[in-house]
């Protein structure tokens, strides 16, 4: 990871630490001005202004489908392309068979977006 530009990498790490600890203020300190969170289960993008409510209700949404309220991340990939870090990861709701992928794009101004998609085996 040390081969990536320090500013973008620091922003990515701060954002992930905020999301993983359910601290929306910390996550949004690393967000770009036009930040958006795209969730395949939500009809419109989540903005910086709505992110706190969205994240703080995350555990309740996971528990409503039988999860523990936590998630695990695996199989991460990072690439720095044209002034942006792209991070892809596979995630799984602990206690369920619901999993999916997440893609983040980070520029020098912060995290531009996170997009999550869901996968559930039949």
PDB file of N, CA and C in Angstrom:
ATOM      1  N   UNK A   1       0.801  -1.202   0.000  1.00  0.00           N
ATOM      2  CA  UNK A   1       0.000   0.000   0.000  1.00  0.00           C
ATOM      3  C   UNK A   1       0.844   1.265   0.000  1.00  0.00           C
ATOM      4  N   UNK A   2       2.090   1.169   0.337  1.00  0.00           N
ATOM      5  CA  UNK A   2       2.913   2.368   0.429  1.00  0.00           C
ATOM      6  C   UNK A   2       3.225   2.973  -0.928  1.00  0.00           C
ATOM      7  N   UNK A   3       2.926   2.297  -2.014  1.00  0.00           N
ATOM      8  CA  UNK A   3       3.185   2.835  -3.339  1.00  0.00           C
ATOM      9  C   UNK A   3       2.125   3.842  -3.773  1.00  0.00           C
ATOM     10  N   UNK A   4       1.052   3.981  -3.038  1.00  0.00           N
ATOM     11  CA  UNK A   4      -0.025   4.879  -3.409  1.00  0.00           C
ATOM     12  C   UNK A   4       0.236   6.277  -2.869  1.00  0.00           C
ATOM     13  N   UNK A   5      -0.243   7.300  -3.590  1.00  0.00           N
ATOM     14  CA  UNK A   5      -0.050   8.680  -3.114  1.00  0.00           C
ATOM     15  C   UNK A   5      -0.584   8.847  -1.693  1.00  0.00           C
ATOM     16  N   UNK A   6       0.234   9.427  -0.849  1.00  0.00           N
ATOM     17  CA  UNK A   6      -0.070   9.513   0.578  1.00  0.00           C
ATOM     18  C   UNK A   6      -1.391  10.216   0.859  1.00  0.00           C
ATOM     19  N   UNK A   7      -1.668  11.345   0.231  1.00  0.00           N
ATOM     20  CA  UNK A   7      -2.886  12.094   0.529  1.00  0.00           C
ATOM     21  C   UNK A   7      -4.132  11.257   0.257  1.00  0.00           C
ATOM     22  N   UNK A   8      -4.205  10.662  -0.921  1.00  0.00           N
ATOM     23  CA  UNK A   8      -5.384   9.845  -1.265  1.00  0.00           C
ATOM     24  C   UNK A   8      -5.479   8.628  -0.354  1.00  0.00           C
ATOM     25  N   UNK A   9      -4.348   8.013  -0.058  1.00  0.00           N
ATOM     26  CA  UNK A   9      -4.359   6.830   0.806  1.00  0.00           C
ATOM     27  C   UNK A   9      -4.803   7.203   2.219  1.00  0.00           C
ATOM     28  N   UNK A  10      -4.330   8.326   2.740  1.00  0.00           N
ATOM     29  CA  UNK A  10      -4.745   8.778   4.065  1.00  0.00           C
ATOM     30  C   UNK A  10      -6.245   9.063   4.107  1.00  0.00           C
ATOM     31  N   UNK A  11      -6.769   9.681   3.048  1.00  0.00           N
ATOM     32  CA  UNK A  11      -8.206   9.946   2.984  1.00  0.00           C
ATOM     33  C   UNK A  11      -8.999   8.641   2.958  1.00  0.00           C
ATOM     34  N   UNK A  12      -8.533   7.676   2.177  1.00  0.00           N
ATOM     35  CA  UNK A  12      -9.205   6.375   2.111  1.00  0.00           C
ATOM     36  C   UNK A  12      -9.207   5.697   3.472  1.00  0.00           C
ATOM     37  N   UNK A  13      -8.055   5.672   4.137  1.00  0.00           N
ATOM     38  CA  UNK A  13      -7.964   5.027   5.449  1.00  0.00           C
ATOM     39  C   UNK A  13      -8.876   5.701   6.470  1.00  0.00           C
ATOM     40  N   UNK A  14      -8.917   7.028   6.471  1.00  0.00           N
ATOM     41  CA  UNK A  14      -9.769   7.754   7.419  1.00  0.00           C
ATOM     42  C   UNK A  14     -11.245   7.455   7.150  1.00  0.00           C
ATOM     43  N   UNK A  15     -11.631   7.457   5.891  1.00  0.00           N
ATOM     44  CA  UNK A  15     -13.010   7.159   5.509  1.00  0.00           C
ATOM     45  C   UNK A  15     -13.407   5.754   5.956  1.00  0.00           C
ATOM     46  N   UNK A  16     -12.567   4.769   5.631  1.00  0.00           N
ATOM     47  CA  UNK A  16     -12.876   3.391   6.003  1.00  0.00           C
ATOM     48  C   UNK A  16     -12.948   3.226   7.514  1.00  0.00           C
ATOM     49  N   UNK A  17     -12.061   3.881   8.237  1.00  0.00           N
ATOM     50  CA  UNK A  17     -12.096   3.800   9.702  1.00  0.00           C
ATOM     51  C   UNK A  17     -13.414   4.368  10.225  1.00  0.00           C
ATOM     52  N   UNK A  18     -13.891   5.449   9.639  1.00  0.00           N
ATOM     53  CA  UNK A  18     -15.163   6.034  10.053  1.00  0.00           C
ATOM     54  C   UNK A  18     -16.346   5.127   9.762  1.00  0.00           C
ATOM     55  N   UNK A  19     -16.371   4.557   8.569  1.00  0.00           N
ATOM     56  CA  UNK A  19     -17.480   3.664   8.201  1.00  0.00           C
ATOM     57  C   UNK A  19     -17.455   2.410   9.067  1.00  0.00           C
ATOM     58  N   UNK A  20     -16.287   1.802   9.211  1.00  0.00           N
ATOM     59  CA  UNK A  20     -16.196   0.549   9.958  1.00  0.00           C
ATOM     60  C   UNK A  20     -16.499   0.721  11.440  1.00  0.00           C
ATOM     61  N   UNK A  21     -16.234   1.895  11.999  1.00  0.00           N
ATOM     62  CA  UNK A  21     -16.529   2.145  13.414  1.00  0.00           C
ATOM     63  C   UNK A  21     -17.895   2.806  13.600  1.00  0.00           C
ATOM     64  N   UNK A  22     -18.651   2.925  12.513  1.00  0.00           N
ATOM     65  CA  UNK A  22     -19.974   3.556  12.528  1.00  0.00           C
ATOM     66  C   UNK A  22     -19.892   4.997  13.065  1.00  0.00           C
ATOM     67  N   UNK A  23     -18.878   5.714  12.613  1.00  0.00           N
ATOM     68  CA  UNK A  23     -18.656   7.113  12.989  1.00  0.00           C
ATOM     69  C   UNK A  23     -18.799   7.970  11.731  1.00  0.00           C
ATOM     70  N   UNK A  24     -20.027   8.389  11.413  1.00  0.00           N
ATOM     71  CA  UNK A  24     -20.251   9.109  10.160  1.00  0.00           C
ATOM     72  C   UNK A  24     -19.492  10.434  10.075  1.00  0.00           C
ATOM     73  N   UNK A  25     -19.307  11.123  11.191  1.00  0.00           N
ATOM     74  CA  UNK A  25     -18.560  12.391  11.146  1.00  0.00           C
ATOM     75  C   UNK A  25     -17.122  12.149  10.710  1.00  0.00           C
ATOM     76  N   UNK A  26     -16.518  11.095  11.233  1.00  0.00           N
ATOM     77  CA  UNK A  26     -15.139  10.773  10.849  1.00  0.00           C
ATOM     78  C   UNK A  26     -15.077  10.416   9.369  1.00  0.00           C
ATOM     79  N   UNK A  27     -16.000   9.592   8.904  1.00  0.00           N
ATOM     80  CA  UNK A  27     -16.015   9.209   7.496  1.00  0.00           C
ATOM     81  C   UNK A  27     -16.179  10.428   6.595  1.00  0.00           C
ATOM     82  N   UNK A  28     -17.067  11.329   6.959  1.00  0.00           N
ATOM     83  CA  UNK A  28     -17.347  12.482   6.118  1.00  0.00           C
ATOM     84  C   UNK A  28     -16.229  13.526   6.137  1.00  0.00           C
ATOM     85  N   UNK A  29     -15.359  13.484   7.139  1.00  0.00           N
ATOM     86  CA  UNK A  29     -14.180  14.366   7.112  1.00  0.00           C
ATOM     87  C   UNK A  29     -13.264  14.004   5.948  1.00  0.00           C
ATOM     88  N   UNK A  30     -13.349  12.770   5.482  1.00  0.00           N
ATOM     89  CA  UNK A  30     -12.518  12.307   4.369  1.00  0.00           C
ATOM     90  C   UNK A  30     -13.281  12.288   3.046  1.00  0.00           C
ATOM     91  N   UNK A  31     -14.496  12.813   3.024  1.00  0.00           N
ATOM     92  CA  UNK A  31     -15.328  12.793   1.828  1.00  0.00           C
ATOM     93  C   UNK A  31     -15.106  14.051   0.989  1.00  0.00           C
ATOM     94  N   UNK A  32     -15.164  13.885  -0.307  1.00  0.00           N
ATOM     95  CA  UNK A  32     -15.072  15.010  -1.238  1.00  0.00           C
ATOM     96  C   UNK A  32     -16.354  15.850  -1.143  1.00  0.00           C
ATOM     97  N   UNK A  33     -16.294  17.100  -1.570  1.00  0.00           N
ATOM     98  CA  UNK A  33     -17.491  17.956  -1.502  1.00  0.00           C
ATOM     99  C   UNK A  33     -18.723  17.367  -2.194  1.00  0.00           C
ATOM    100  N   UNK A  34     -18.539  16.674  -3.319  1.00  0.00           N
ATOM    101  CA  UNK A  34     -19.670  16.100  -4.072  1.00  0.00           C
ATOM    102  C   UNK A  34     -19.921  14.634  -3.740  1.00  0.00           C
ATOM    103  N   UNK A  35     -19.471  14.162  -2.585  1.00  0.00           N
ATOM    104  CA  UNK A  35     -19.565  12.759  -2.182  1.00  0.00           C
ATOM    105  C   UNK A  35     -20.970  12.190  -2.383  1.00  0.00           C
ATOM    106  N   UNK A  36     -21.005  10.928  -2.840  1.00  0.00           N
ATOM    107  CA  UNK A  36     -22.255  10.170  -2.960  1.00  0.00           C
ATOM    108  C   UNK A  36     -21.996   8.723  -2.550  1.00  0.00           C
ATOM    109  N   UNK A  37     -23.002   8.123  -1.897  1.00  0.00           N
ATOM    110  CA  UNK A  37     -23.009   6.694  -1.566  1.00  0.00           C
ATOM    111  C   UNK A  37     -24.155   6.104  -2.369  1.00  0.00           C
ATOM    112  N   UNK A  38     -23.838   5.131  -3.207  1.00  0.00           N
ATOM    113  CA  UNK A  38     -24.844   4.462  -4.022  1.00  0.00           C
ATOM    114  C   UNK A  38     -25.073   3.079  -3.451  1.00  0.00           C
ATOM    115  N   UNK A  39     -26.301   2.807  -3.047  1.00  0.00           N
ATOM    116  CA  UNK A  39     -26.694   1.533  -2.455  1.00  0.00           C
ATOM    117  C   UNK A  39     -27.752   0.937  -3.370  1.00  0.00           C
ATOM    118  N   UNK A  40     -27.489  -0.279  -3.857  1.00  0.00           N
ATOM    119  CA  UNK A  40     -28.419  -0.930  -4.766  1.00  0.00           C
ATOM    120  C   UNK A  40     -29.814  -1.137  -4.198  1.00  0.00           C
ATOM    121  N   UNK A  41     -29.979  -0.993  -2.880  1.00  0.00           N
ATOM    122  CA  UNK A  41     -31.291  -1.160  -2.255  1.00  0.00           C
ATOM    123  C   UNK A  41     -31.968   0.174  -1.948  1.00  0.00           C
ATOM    124  N   UNK A  42     -31.326   1.273  -2.289  1.00  0.00           N
ATOM    125  CA  UNK A  42     -31.864   2.607  -2.009  1.00  0.00           C
ATOM    126  C   UNK A  42     -32.060   3.313  -3.346  1.00  0.00           C
ATOM    127  N   UNK A  43     -33.216   3.945  -3.533  1.00  0.00           N
ATOM    128  CA  UNK A  43     -33.579   4.493  -4.839  1.00  0.00           C
ATOM    129  C   UNK A  43     -32.757   5.702  -5.276  1.00  0.00           C
ATOM    130  N   UNK A  44     -32.197   6.446  -4.361  1.00  0.00           N
ATOM    131  CA  UNK A  44     -31.405   7.613  -4.764  1.00  0.00           C
ATOM    132  C   UNK A  44     -30.087   7.651  -3.989  1.00  0.00           C
ATOM    133  N   UNK A  45     -29.088   8.319  -4.534  1.00  0.00           N
ATOM    134  CA  UNK A  45     -27.785   8.371  -3.850  1.00  0.00           C
ATOM    135  C   UNK A  45     -27.879   9.054  -2.487  1.00  0.00           C
ATOM    136  N   UNK A  46     -27.021   8.613  -1.578  1.00  0.00           N
ATOM    137  CA  UNK A  46     -26.926   9.205  -0.247  1.00  0.00           C
ATOM    138  C   UNK A  46     -25.877  10.319  -0.328  1.00  0.00           C
ATOM    139  N   UNK A  47     -26.245  11.514   0.063  1.00  0.00           N
ATOM    140  CA  UNK A  47     -25.331  12.655   0.044  1.00  0.00           C
ATOM    141  C   UNK A  47     -24.619  12.786   1.389  1.00  0.00           C
ATOM    142  N   UNK A  48     -23.655  13.692   1.449  1.00  0.00           N
ATOM    143  CA  UNK A  48     -22.948  13.951   2.706  1.00  0.00           C
ATOM    144  C   UNK A  48     -23.937  14.345   3.801  1.00  0.00           C
ATOM    145  N   UNK A  49     -24.937  15.119   3.435  1.00  0.00           N
ATOM    146  CA  UNK A  49     -25.916  15.600   4.411  1.00  0.00           C
ATOM    147  C   UNK A  49     -26.775  14.471   4.971  1.00  0.00           C
ATOM    148  N   UNK A  50     -27.000  13.427   4.203  1.00  0.00           N
ATOM    149  CA  UNK A  50     -27.851  12.311   4.634  1.00  0.00           C
ATOM    150  C   UNK A  50     -27.056  11.101   5.116  1.00  0.00           C
ATOM    151  N   UNK A  51     -25.731  11.157   5.002  1.00  0.00           N
ATOM    152  CA  UNK A  51     -24.910   9.993   5.302  1.00  0.00           C
ATOM    153  C   UNK A  51     -25.005   9.558   6.760  1.00  0.00           C
ATOM    154  N   UNK A  52     -25.033  10.488   7.674  1.00  0.00           N
ATOM    155  CA  UNK A  52     -25.075  10.142   9.094  1.00  0.00           C
ATOM    156  C   UNK A  52     -26.302   9.293   9.410  1.00  0.00           C
ATOM    157  N   UNK A  53     -27.455   9.736   8.956  1.00  0.00           N
ATOM    158  CA  UNK A  53     -28.693   8.978   9.190  1.00  0.00           C
ATOM    159  C   UNK A  53     -28.604   7.596   8.539  1.00  0.00           C
ATOM    160  N   UNK A  54     -28.103   7.546   7.325  1.00  0.00           N
ATOM    161  CA  UNK A  54     -27.981   6.278   6.604  1.00  0.00           C
ATOM    162  C   UNK A  54     -27.068   5.308   7.359  1.00  0.00           C
ATOM    163  N   UNK A  55     -25.878   5.772   7.738  1.00  0.00           N
ATOM    164  CA  UNK A  55     -24.922   4.879   8.390  1.00  0.00           C
ATOM    165  C   UNK A  55     -25.411   4.440   9.762  1.00  0.00           C
ATOM    166  N   UNK A  56     -25.990   5.352  10.516  1.00  0.00           N
ATOM    167  CA  UNK A  56     -26.422   5.002  11.870  1.00  0.00           C
ATOM    168  C   UNK A  56     -27.615   4.047  11.873  1.00  0.00           C
ATOM    169  N   UNK A  57     -28.324   3.938  10.759  1.00  0.00           N
ATOM    170  CA  UNK A  57     -29.420   2.962  10.631  1.00  0.00           C
ATOM    171  C   UNK A  57     -28.954   1.649   9.997  1.00  0.00           C
ATOM    172  N   UNK A  58     -27.686   1.589   9.624  1.00  0.00           N
ATOM    173  CA  UNK A  58     -27.121   0.411   8.945  1.00  0.00           C
ATOM    174  C   UNK A  58     -27.289  -0.863   9.775  1.00  0.00           C
ATOM    175  N   UNK A  59     -26.912  -0.794  11.049  1.00  0.00           N
ATOM    176  CA  UNK A  59     -26.992  -1.989  11.901  1.00  0.00           C
ATOM    177  C   UNK A  59     -28.421  -2.487  12.026  1.00  0.00           C
ATOM    178  N   UNK A  60     -29.379  -1.582  12.157  1.00  0.00           N
ATOM    179  CA  UNK A  60     -30.782  -1.995  12.239  1.00  0.00           C
ATOM    180  C   UNK A  60     -31.222  -2.699  10.962  1.00  0.00           C
ATOM    181  N   UNK A  61     -30.780  -2.184   9.798  1.00  0.00           N
ATOM    182  CA  UNK A  61     -31.139  -2.831   8.529  1.00  0.00           C
ATOM    183  C   UNK A  61     -30.545  -4.234   8.458  1.00  0.00           C
ATOM    184  N   UNK A  62     -29.304  -4.388   8.893  1.00  0.00           N
ATOM    185  CA  UNK A  62     -28.681  -5.716   8.866  1.00  0.00           C
ATOM    186  C   UNK A  62     -29.382  -6.667   9.825  1.00  0.00           C
ATOM    187  N   UNK A  63     -29.709  -6.186  11.004  1.00  0.00           N
ATOM    188  CA  UNK A  63     -30.397  -7.045  11.980  1.00  0.00           C
ATOM    189  C   UNK A  63     -31.777  -7.451  11.477  1.00  0.00           C
ATOM    190  N   UNK A  64     -32.433  -6.581  10.706  1.00  0.00           N
ATOM    191  CA  UNK A  64     -33.773  -6.894  10.211  1.00  0.00           C
ATOM    192  C   UNK A  64     -33.773  -8.086   9.257  1.00  0.00           C
ATOM    193  N   UNK A  65     -32.615  -8.412   8.691  1.00  0.00           N
ATOM    194  CA  UNK A  65     -32.532  -9.596   7.818  1.00  0.00           C
ATOM    195  C   UNK A  65     -31.819 -10.747   8.515  1.00  0.00           C
ATOM    196  N   UNK A  66     -31.661 -10.665   9.831  1.00  0.00           N
ATOM    197  CA  UNK A  66     -31.111 -11.768  10.598  1.00  0.00           C
ATOM    198  C   UNK A  66     -29.625 -11.683  10.892  1.00  0.00           C
ATOM    199  N   UNK A  67     -28.996 -10.565  10.565  1.00  0.00           N
ATOM    200  CA  UNK A  67     -27.561 -10.414  10.806  1.00  0.00           C
ATOM    201  C   UNK A  67     -27.255  -9.955  12.217  1.00  0.00           C
ATOM    202  N   UNK A  68     -25.985  -9.871  12.507  1.00  0.00           N
ATOM    203  CA  UNK A  68     -25.525  -9.448  13.826  1.00  0.00           C
ATOM    204  C   UNK A  68     -25.406  -7.937  13.932  1.00  0.00           C
ATOM    205  N   UNK A  69     -25.509  -7.249  12.817  1.00  0.00           N
ATOM    206  CA  UNK A  69     -25.300  -5.810  12.797  1.00  0.00           C
ATOM    207  C   UNK A  69     -23.895  -5.445  12.364  1.00  0.00           C
ATOM    208  N   UNK A  70     -23.063  -6.424  12.063  1.00  0.00           N
ATOM    209  CA  UNK A  70     -21.686  -6.181  11.627  1.00  0.00           C
ATOM    210  C   UNK A  70     -21.485  -6.791  10.235  1.00  0.00           C
ATOM    211  N   UNK A  71     -20.382  -6.420   9.627  1.00  0.00           N
ATOM    212  CA  UNK A  71     -20.035  -6.994   8.334  1.00  0.00           C
ATOM    213  C   UNK A  71     -18.543  -7.288   8.292  1.00  0.00           C
ATOM    214  N   UNK A  72     -18.159  -8.194   7.399  1.00  0.00           N
ATOM    215  CA  UNK A  72     -16.757  -8.557   7.188  1.00  0.00           C
ATOM    216  C   UNK A  72     -16.372  -8.164   5.776  1.00  0.00           C
ATOM    217  N   UNK A  73     -15.111  -7.793   5.599  1.00  0.00           N
ATOM    218  CA  UNK A  73     -14.597  -7.411   4.285  1.00  0.00           C
ATOM    219  C   UNK A  73     -13.458  -8.351   3.918  1.00  0.00           C
ATOM    220  N   UNK A  74     -13.436  -8.770   2.660  1.00  0.00           N
ATOM    221  CA  UNK A  74     -12.348  -9.624   2.177  1.00  0.00           C
ATOM    222  C   UNK A  74     -12.031  -9.257   0.730  1.00  0.00           C
ATOM    223  N   UNK A  75     -10.988  -9.887   0.204  1.00  0.00           N
ATOM    224  CA  UNK A  75     -10.636  -9.769  -1.213  1.00  0.00           C
ATOM    225  C   UNK A  75     -10.597  -8.326  -1.703  1.00  0.00           C
ATOM    226  N   UNK A  76      -9.768  -7.527  -1.076  1.00  0.00           N
ATOM    227  CA  UNK A  76      -9.642  -6.119  -1.463  1.00  0.00           C
ATOM    228  C   UNK A  76      -8.650  -5.943  -2.606  1.00  0.00           C
ATOM    229  N   UNK A  77      -8.966  -5.024  -3.501  1.00  0.00           N
ATOM    230  CA  UNK A  77      -8.076  -4.643  -4.592  1.00  0.00           C
ATOM    231  C   UNK A  77      -7.965  -3.130  -4.608  1.00  0.00           C
ATOM    232  N   UNK A  78      -6.750  -2.614  -4.830  1.00  0.00           N
ATOM    233  CA  UNK A  78      -6.517  -1.174  -4.950  1.00  0.00           C
ATOM    234  C   UNK A  78      -5.813  -0.903  -6.266  1.00  0.00           C
ATOM    235  N   UNK A  79      -6.179   0.215  -6.885  1.00  0.00           N
ATOM    236  CA  UNK A  79      -5.497   0.661  -8.097  1.00  0.00           C
ATOM    237  C   UNK A  79      -5.481   2.178  -8.083  1.00  0.00           C
ATOM    238  N   UNK A  80      -4.375   2.752  -8.514  1.00  0.00           N
ATOM    239  CA  UNK A  80      -4.295   4.197  -8.659  1.00  0.00           C
ATOM    240  C   UNK A  80      -4.268   4.489 -10.149  1.00  0.00           C
ATOM    241  N   UNK A  81      -5.327   5.143 -10.625  1.00  0.00           N
ATOM    242  CA  UNK A  81      -5.453   5.415 -12.050  1.00  0.00           C
ATOM    243  C   UNK A  81      -5.844   6.863 -12.270  1.00  0.00           C
ATOM    244  N   UNK A  82      -5.059   7.551 -13.040  1.00  0.00           N
ATOM    245  CA  UNK A  82      -5.381   8.910 -13.467  1.00  0.00           C
ATOM    246  C   UNK A  82      -5.750   9.816 -12.303  1.00  0.00           C
ATOM    247  N   UNK A  83      -4.969   9.768 -11.233  1.00  0.00           N
ATOM    248  CA  UNK A  83      -5.185  10.667 -10.106  1.00  0.00           C
ATOM    249  C   UNK A  83      -6.259  10.243  -9.122  1.00  0.00           C
ATOM    250  N   UNK A  84      -6.707   8.995  -9.219  1.00  0.00           N
ATOM    251  CA  UNK A  84      -7.726   8.474  -8.310  1.00  0.00           C
ATOM    252  C   UNK A  84      -7.320   7.094  -7.817  1.00  0.00           C
ATOM    253  N   UNK A  85      -7.615   6.820  -6.562  1.00  0.00           N
ATOM    254  CA  UNK A  85      -7.499   5.457  -6.064  1.00  0.00           C
ATOM    255  C   UNK A  85      -8.867   4.810  -6.212  1.00  0.00           C
ATOM    256  N   UNK A  86      -8.880   3.623  -6.787  1.00  0.00           N
ATOM    257  CA  UNK A  86     -10.089   2.805  -6.841  1.00  0.00           C
ATOM    258  C   UNK A  86      -9.872   1.640  -5.894  1.00  0.00           C
ATOM    259  N   UNK A  87     -10.847   1.401  -5.026  1.00  0.00           N
ATOM    260  CA  UNK A  87     -10.774   0.279  -4.087  1.00  0.00           C
ATOM    261  C   UNK A  87     -12.021  -0.572  -4.280  1.00  0.00           C
ATOM    262  N   UNK A  88     -11.813  -1.851  -4.523  1.00  0.00           N
ATOM    263  CA  UNK A  88     -12.911  -2.803  -4.626  1.00  0.00           C
ATOM    264  C   UNK A  88     -12.742  -3.807  -3.498  1.00  0.00           C
ATOM    265  N   UNK A  89     -13.850  -4.219  -2.924  1.00  0.00           N
ATOM    266  CA  UNK A  89     -13.807  -5.239  -1.868  1.00  0.00           C
ATOM    267  C   UNK A  89     -15.093  -6.057  -1.896  1.00  0.00           C
ATOM    268  N   UNK A  90     -14.981  -7.277  -1.402  1.00  0.00           N
ATOM    269  CA  UNK A  90     -16.132  -8.144  -1.195  1.00  0.00           C
ATOM    270  C   UNK A  90     -16.509  -8.045   0.273  1.00  0.00           C
ATOM    271  N   UNK A  91     -17.792  -7.954   0.582  1.00  0.00           N
ATOM    272  CA  UNK A  91     -18.258  -7.869   1.968  1.00  0.00           C
ATOM    273  C   UNK A  91     -19.348  -8.896   2.206  1.00  0.00           C
ATOM    274  N   UNK A  92     -19.584  -9.184   3.489  1.00  0.00           N
ATOM    275  CA  UNK A  92     -20.629 -10.130   3.887  1.00  0.00           C
ATOM    276  C   UNK A  92     -21.228  -9.670   5.205  1.00  0.00           C
ATOM    277  N   UNK A  93     -22.550  -9.702   5.294  1.00  0.00           N
ATOM    278  CA  UNK A  93     -23.224  -9.412   6.561  1.00  0.00           C
ATOM    279  C   UNK A  93     -23.042 -10.613   7.474  1.00  0.00           C
ATOM    280  N   UNK A  94     -22.418 -10.419   8.599  1.00  0.00           N
ATOM    281  CA  UNK A  94     -22.175 -11.500   9.552  1.00  0.00           C
ATOM    282  C   UNK A  94     -23.520 -12.054  10.025  1.00  0.00           C
ATOM    283  N   UNK A  95     -23.647 -13.377   9.997  1.00  0.00           N
ATOM    284  CA  UNK A  95     -24.867 -14.035  10.442  1.00  0.00           C
ATOM    285  C   UNK A  95     -25.892 -14.257   9.349  1.00  0.00           C
ATOM    286  N   UNK A  96     -25.570 -13.869   8.118  1.00  0.00           N
ATOM    287  CA  UNK A  96     -26.487 -14.061   6.990  1.00  0.00           C
ATOM    288  C   UNK A  96     -25.720 -14.637   5.812  1.00  0.00           C
ATOM    289  N   UNK A  97     -26.455 -14.958   4.745  1.00  0.00           N
ATOM    290  CA  UNK A  97     -25.791 -15.349   3.513  1.00  0.00           C
ATOM    291  C   UNK A  97     -25.764 -14.189   2.520  1.00  0.00           C
ATOM    292  N   UNK A  98     -26.110 -12.983   2.973  1.00  0.00           N
ATOM    293  CA  UNK A  98     -26.099 -11.796   2.125  1.00  0.00           C
ATOM    294  C   UNK A  98     -24.674 -11.244   2.052  1.00  0.00           C
ATOM    295  N   UNK A  99     -24.217 -11.034   0.824  1.00  0.00           N
ATOM    296  CA  UNK A  99     -22.882 -10.514   0.584  1.00  0.00           C
ATOM    297  C   UNK A  99     -22.959  -9.579  -0.619  1.00  0.00           C
ATOM    298  N   UNK A 100     -21.833  -9.012  -0.970  1.00  0.00           N
ATOM    299  CA  UNK A 100     -21.812  -8.139  -2.131  1.00  0.00           C
ATOM    300  C   UNK A 100     -20.449  -7.529  -2.340  1.00  0.00           C
ATOM    301  N   UNK A 101     -20.423  -6.505  -3.179  1.00  0.00           N
ATOM    302  CA  UNK A 101     -19.161  -5.832  -3.448  1.00  0.00           C
ATOM    303  C   UNK A 101     -19.316  -4.338  -3.240  1.00  0.00           C
ATOM    304  N   UNK A 102     -18.189  -3.693  -3.035  1.00  0.00           N
ATOM    305  CA  UNK A 102     -18.164  -2.242  -2.841  1.00  0.00           C
ATOM    306  C   UNK A 102     -17.027  -1.674  -3.677  1.00  0.00           C
ATOM    307  N   UNK A 103     -17.285  -0.544  -4.310  1.00  0.00           N
ATOM    308  CA  UNK A 103     -16.282   0.162  -5.088  1.00  0.00           C
ATOM    309  C   UNK A 103     -16.210   1.589  -4.571  1.00  0.00           C
ATOM    310  N   UNK A 104     -14.997   2.034  -4.237  1.00  0.00           N
ATOM    311  CA  UNK A 104     -14.776   3.406  -3.788  1.00  0.00           C
ATOM    312  C   UNK A 104     -13.845   4.105  -4.758  1.00  0.00           C
ATOM    313  N   UNK A 105     -14.090   5.396  -4.952  1.00  0.00           N
ATOM    314  CA  UNK A 105     -13.214   6.224  -5.771  1.00  0.00           C
ATOM    315  C   UNK A 105     -12.757   7.389  -4.910  1.00  0.00           C
ATOM    316  N   UNK A 106     -11.428   7.575  -4.819  1.00  0.00           N
ATOM    317  CA  UNK A 106     -10.847   8.599  -3.958  1.00  0.00           C
ATOM    318  C   UNK A 106      -9.952   9.501  -4.781  1.00  0.00           C
ATOM    319  N   UNK A 107     -10.193  10.803  -4.669  1.00  0.00           N
ATOM    320  CA  UNK A 107      -9.325  11.793  -5.305  1.00  0.00           C
ATOM    321  C   UNK A 107      -8.603  12.594  -4.245  1.00  0.00           C
ATOM    322  N   UNK A 108      -7.883  13.606  -4.660  1.00  0.00           N
ATOM    323  CA  UNK A 108      -7.142  14.432  -3.711  1.00  0.00           C
ATOM    324  C   UNK A 108      -8.044  15.264  -2.807  1.00  0.00           C
ATOM    325  N   UNK A 109      -9.314  15.433  -3.197  1.00  0.00           N
ATOM    326  CA  UNK A 109     -10.280  16.173  -2.369  1.00  0.00           C
ATOM    327  C   UNK A 109     -11.060  15.262  -1.435  1.00  0.00           C
ATOM    328  N   UNK A 110     -10.845  13.946  -1.522  1.00  0.00           N
ATOM    329  CA  UNK A 110     -11.551  13.016  -0.650  1.00  0.00           C
ATOM    330  C   UNK A 110     -12.222  11.898  -1.413  1.00  0.00           C
ATOM    331  N   UNK A 111     -13.014  11.129  -0.679  1.00  0.00           N
ATOM    332  CA  UNK A 111     -13.762  10.019  -1.274  1.00  0.00           C
ATOM    333  C   UNK A 111     -14.877  10.618  -2.116  1.00  0.00           C
ATOM    334  N   UNK A 112     -14.890  10.279  -3.386  1.00  0.00           N
ATOM    335  CA  UNK A 112     -15.876  10.814  -4.327  1.00  0.00           C
ATOM    336  C   UNK A 112     -17.168  10.016  -4.251  1.00  0.00           C
ATOM    337  N   UNK A 113     -17.039   8.698  -4.218  1.00  0.00           N
ATOM    338  CA  UNK A 113     -18.223   7.861  -4.075  1.00  0.00           C
ATOM    339  C   UNK A 113     -17.865   6.506  -3.508  1.00  0.00           C
ATOM    340  N   UNK A 114     -18.915   5.866  -2.980  1.00  0.00           N
ATOM    341  CA  UNK A 114     -18.873   4.441  -2.673  1.00  0.00           C
ATOM    342  C   UNK A 114     -20.125   3.850  -3.288  1.00  0.00           C
ATOM    343  N   UNK A 115     -19.952   2.747  -3.998  1.00  0.00           N
ATOM    344  CA  UNK A 115     -21.063   2.049  -4.638  1.00  0.00           C
ATOM    345  C   UNK A 115     -21.088   0.634  -4.077  1.00  0.00           C
ATOM    346  N   UNK A 116     -22.238   0.210  -3.571  1.00  0.00           N
ATOM    347  CA  UNK A 116     -22.350  -1.163  -3.084  1.00  0.00           C
ATOM    348  C   UNK A 116     -23.433  -1.908  -3.837  1.00  0.00           C
ATOM    349  N   UNK A 117     -23.147  -3.169  -4.090  1.00  0.00           N
ATOM    350  CA  UNK A 117     -24.082  -4.052  -4.776  1.00  0.00           C
ATOM    351  C   UNK A 117     -24.258  -5.303  -3.903  1.00  0.00           C
ATOM    352  N   UNK A 118     -25.406  -5.912  -3.991  1.00  0.00           N
ATOM    353  CA  UNK A 118     -25.738  -7.058  -3.167  1.00  0.00           C
ATOM    354  C   UNK A 118     -25.775  -8.334  -3.981  1.00  0.00           C
ATOM    355  N   UNK A 119     -25.405  -9.423  -3.321  1.00  0.00           N
ATOM    356  CA  UNK A 119     -25.473 -10.751  -3.914  1.00  0.00           C
ATOM    357  C   UNK A 119     -26.047 -11.675  -2.845  1.00  0.00           C
ATOM    358  N   UNK A 120     -27.047 -12.429  -3.204  1.00  0.00           N
ATOM    359  CA  UNK A 120     -27.603 -13.417  -2.276  1.00  0.00           C
ATOM    360  C   UNK A 120     -27.812 -14.703  -3.057  1.00  0.00           C
ATOM    361  N   UNK A 121     -27.169 -15.775  -2.607  1.00  0.00           N
ATOM    362  CA  UNK A 121     -27.339 -17.049  -3.324  1.00  0.00           C
ATOM    363  C   UNK A 121     -28.781 -17.532  -3.289  1.00  0.00           C
ATOM    364  N   UNK A 122     -29.172 -18.201  -4.327  1.00  0.00           N
ATOM    365  CA  UNK A 122     -30.561 -18.720  -4.423  1.00  0.00           C
ATOM    366  C   UNK A 122     -30.640 -20.029  -3.692  1.00  0.00           C
TER     367      UNK A 122
END
